[in-house]
């Protein structure tokens, strides 16, 4: 019986995250495969769930909707910030800044600026996008019994 990907198995795989327009966000097909334990939190649940039941050697492609990937784009995460909070460095659309919040660092991207205010998008850059998840299972090891 072939070992299947299930909760607790150690999986070694090649993967790629690709946008619908073909832009590759991340891929390890050209480098060493990644190894993780199913359920350890290293992979978002929406990606992990697609792997269940796959066996060694399987190659698959899944389209992961935003709610199972990086979330929907939330308009409430787009906020106006007073321009005086920025040194008068060159500001440009698409520039990413790191802001301090109560929990540490929060990245935000400039989407628009006016004379006295800057519109910052604190959504994950991939929020609202379908992600094409390409995988090739290289190895599956059984749950380790501690």
Protein backbone atom coordinates (compact mmCIF):
# COMPACT_ATOMS: atom_id res chain seq x y z
CA UNK A 1 0.00 0.00 0.00
CA UNK A 2 1.35 3.40 -0.99
CA UNK A 3 1.68 5.98 1.75
CA UNK A 4 -0.69 8.92 1.24
CA UNK A 5 -0.33 12.51 2.38
CA UNK A 6 -2.32 12.82 5.61
CA UNK A 7 -2.16 14.75 8.88
CA UNK A 8 1.24 14.19 10.51
CA UNK A 9 3.05 12.75 7.48
CA UNK A 10 6.35 14.31 6.50
CA UNK A 11 6.12 15.45 2.88
CA UNK A 12 8.95 16.43 0.56
CA UNK A 13 7.76 18.26 -2.53
CA UNK A 14 8.51 20.68 -5.29
CA UNK A 15 5.98 23.48 -5.57
CA UNK A 16 5.21 26.67 -7.41
CA UNK A 17 2.79 29.47 -6.61
CA UNK A 18 1.66 31.12 -9.84
CA UNK A 19 -0.80 33.92 -10.56
CA UNK A 20 -3.49 33.43 -13.19
CA UNK A 21 -1.54 35.68 -15.58
CA UNK A 22 1.41 33.26 -15.36
CA UNK A 23 3.58 35.34 -13.01
CA UNK A 24 5.52 32.97 -10.74
CA UNK A 25 5.39 34.16 -7.12
CA UNK A 26 7.52 31.40 -5.66
CA UNK A 27 8.90 28.11 -6.91
CA UNK A 28 11.42 25.50 -5.82
CA UNK A 29 11.26 23.36 -8.97
CA UNK A 30 14.73 24.60 -9.93
CA UNK A 31 16.21 24.14 -6.45
CA UNK A 32 15.98 21.68 -3.58
CA UNK A 33 12.52 20.41 -2.63
CA UNK A 34 10.87 21.56 0.59
CA UNK A 35 10.01 19.24 3.47
CA UNK A 36 7.32 19.87 6.06
CA UNK A 37 5.01 17.93 8.36
CA UNK A 38 1.33 18.13 7.43
CA UNK A 39 -0.46 20.14 10.10
CA UNK A 40 2.62 21.94 11.48
CA UNK A 41 1.42 25.35 10.27
CA UNK A 42 4.18 25.85 7.67
CA UNK A 43 1.63 25.70 4.87
CA UNK A 44 -1.65 27.59 4.77
CA UNK A 45 -4.57 25.16 5.37
CA UNK A 46 -6.05 25.96 1.94
CA UNK A 47 -2.86 24.73 0.28
CA UNK A 48 -2.34 21.81 2.66
CA UNK A 49 -5.85 20.43 2.15
CA UNK A 50 -5.23 19.98 -1.59
CA UNK A 51 -2.35 17.59 -0.86
CA UNK A 52 -4.40 15.10 1.17
CA UNK A 53 -4.48 11.66 -0.39
CA UNK A 54 -1.68 12.32 -2.90
CA UNK A 55 1.03 9.69 -3.17
CA UNK A 56 4.74 9.74 -3.99
CA UNK A 57 5.35 10.88 -7.57
CA UNK A 58 1.99 12.64 -7.97
CA UNK A 59 2.08 15.89 -9.93
CA UNK A 60 -0.95 18.15 -9.64
CA UNK A 61 -2.10 21.70 -10.22
CA UNK A 62 -4.77 23.32 -8.04
CA UNK A 63 -6.41 26.73 -8.19
CA UNK A 64 -6.70 28.05 -4.65
CA UNK A 65 -9.36 30.77 -4.21
CA UNK A 66 -8.46 33.91 -2.19
CA UNK A 67 -10.40 32.83 0.90
CA UNK A 68 -8.24 29.67 1.11
CA UNK A 69 -5.01 31.43 0.14
CA UNK A 70 -4.07 34.96 1.25
CA UNK A 71 -7.57 36.23 1.99
CA UNK A 72 -9.97 38.55 0.23
CA UNK A 73 -8.93 42.14 -0.33
CA UNK A 74 -10.39 44.10 2.59
CA UNK A 75 -11.13 47.78 1.86
CA UNK A 76 -10.86 48.48 5.61
CA UNK A 77 -7.17 47.58 5.37
CA UNK A 78 -6.61 50.55 3.06
CA UNK A 79 -5.98 53.57 5.28
CA UNK A 80 -5.06 57.21 5.00
CA UNK A 81 -1.85 58.20 6.77
CA UNK A 82 -0.73 61.78 7.35
CA UNK A 83 2.12 62.60 4.99
CA UNK A 84 4.08 64.16 7.86
CA UNK A 85 4.66 60.59 9.14
CA UNK A 86 7.09 60.13 6.27
CA UNK A 87 10.42 61.81 5.91
CA UNK A 88 10.23 63.75 2.71
CA UNK A 89 11.85 60.89 0.84
CA UNK A 90 10.67 60.09 -2.65
CA UNK A 91 7.27 58.48 -2.39
CA UNK A 92 6.03 56.33 -5.23
CA UNK A 93 3.03 54.17 -5.96
CA UNK A 94 3.84 50.55 -5.14
CA UNK A 95 6.58 51.38 -2.63
CA UNK A 96 6.39 49.19 0.47
CA UNK A 97 6.93 50.56 3.96
CA UNK A 98 7.00 48.81 7.29
CA UNK A 99 4.83 50.31 10.01
CA UNK A 100 4.88 49.60 13.73
CA UNK A 101 1.63 48.40 15.23
CA UNK A 102 0.86 46.84 18.58
CA UNK A 103 1.93 43.40 17.32
CA UNK A 104 5.19 44.42 15.66
CA UNK A 105 5.83 45.16 12.00
CA UNK A 106 3.03 45.63 9.49
CA UNK A 107 3.93 46.03 5.81
CA UNK A 108 1.92 48.50 3.77
CA UNK A 109 2.04 49.52 0.11
CA UNK A 110 1.48 53.06 -1.13
CA UNK A 111 -1.47 53.04 -3.53
CA UNK A 112 -2.05 56.77 -3.87
CA UNK A 113 -0.80 60.03 -2.41
CA UNK A 114 -2.06 63.56 -2.10
CA UNK A 115 -0.45 66.72 -0.75
CA UNK A 116 -1.11 65.94 2.90
CA UNK A 117 -2.23 62.31 2.99
CA UNK A 118 -1.00 58.98 1.70
CA UNK A 119 -3.25 56.01 0.98
CA UNK A 120 -1.65 52.82 2.29
CA UNK A 121 -2.88 49.28 1.55
CA UNK A 122 -2.17 46.92 4.46
CA UNK A 123 -3.70 43.88 2.72
CA UNK A 124 -1.38 41.01 1.85
CA UNK A 125 -0.07 41.76 -1.68
CA UNK A 126 -1.70 38.52 -2.89
CA UNK A 127 -5.06 39.16 -1.18
CA UNK A 128 -8.03 38.77 -3.51
CA UNK A 129 -6.09 36.68 -6.04
CA UNK A 130 -6.56 33.09 -7.12
CA UNK A 131 -3.28 31.23 -6.67
CA UNK A 132 -2.32 28.33 -8.92
CA UNK A 133 -0.56 25.78 -6.73
CA UNK A 134 1.62 23.34 -8.67
CA UNK A 135 3.05 20.40 -6.75
CA UNK A 136 5.15 17.32 -7.33
CA UNK A 137 5.34 14.92 -4.38
CA UNK A 138 8.92 13.67 -4.03
CA UNK A 139 8.64 11.67 -0.81
CA UNK A 140 6.19 10.87 1.97
CA UNK A 141 7.38 9.63 5.34
CA UNK A 142 5.03 8.22 7.98
CA UNK A 143 4.18 10.06 11.17
CA UNK A 144 7.07 9.98 13.58
CA UNK A 145 6.13 8.40 16.85
CA UNK A 146 7.71 10.27 19.74
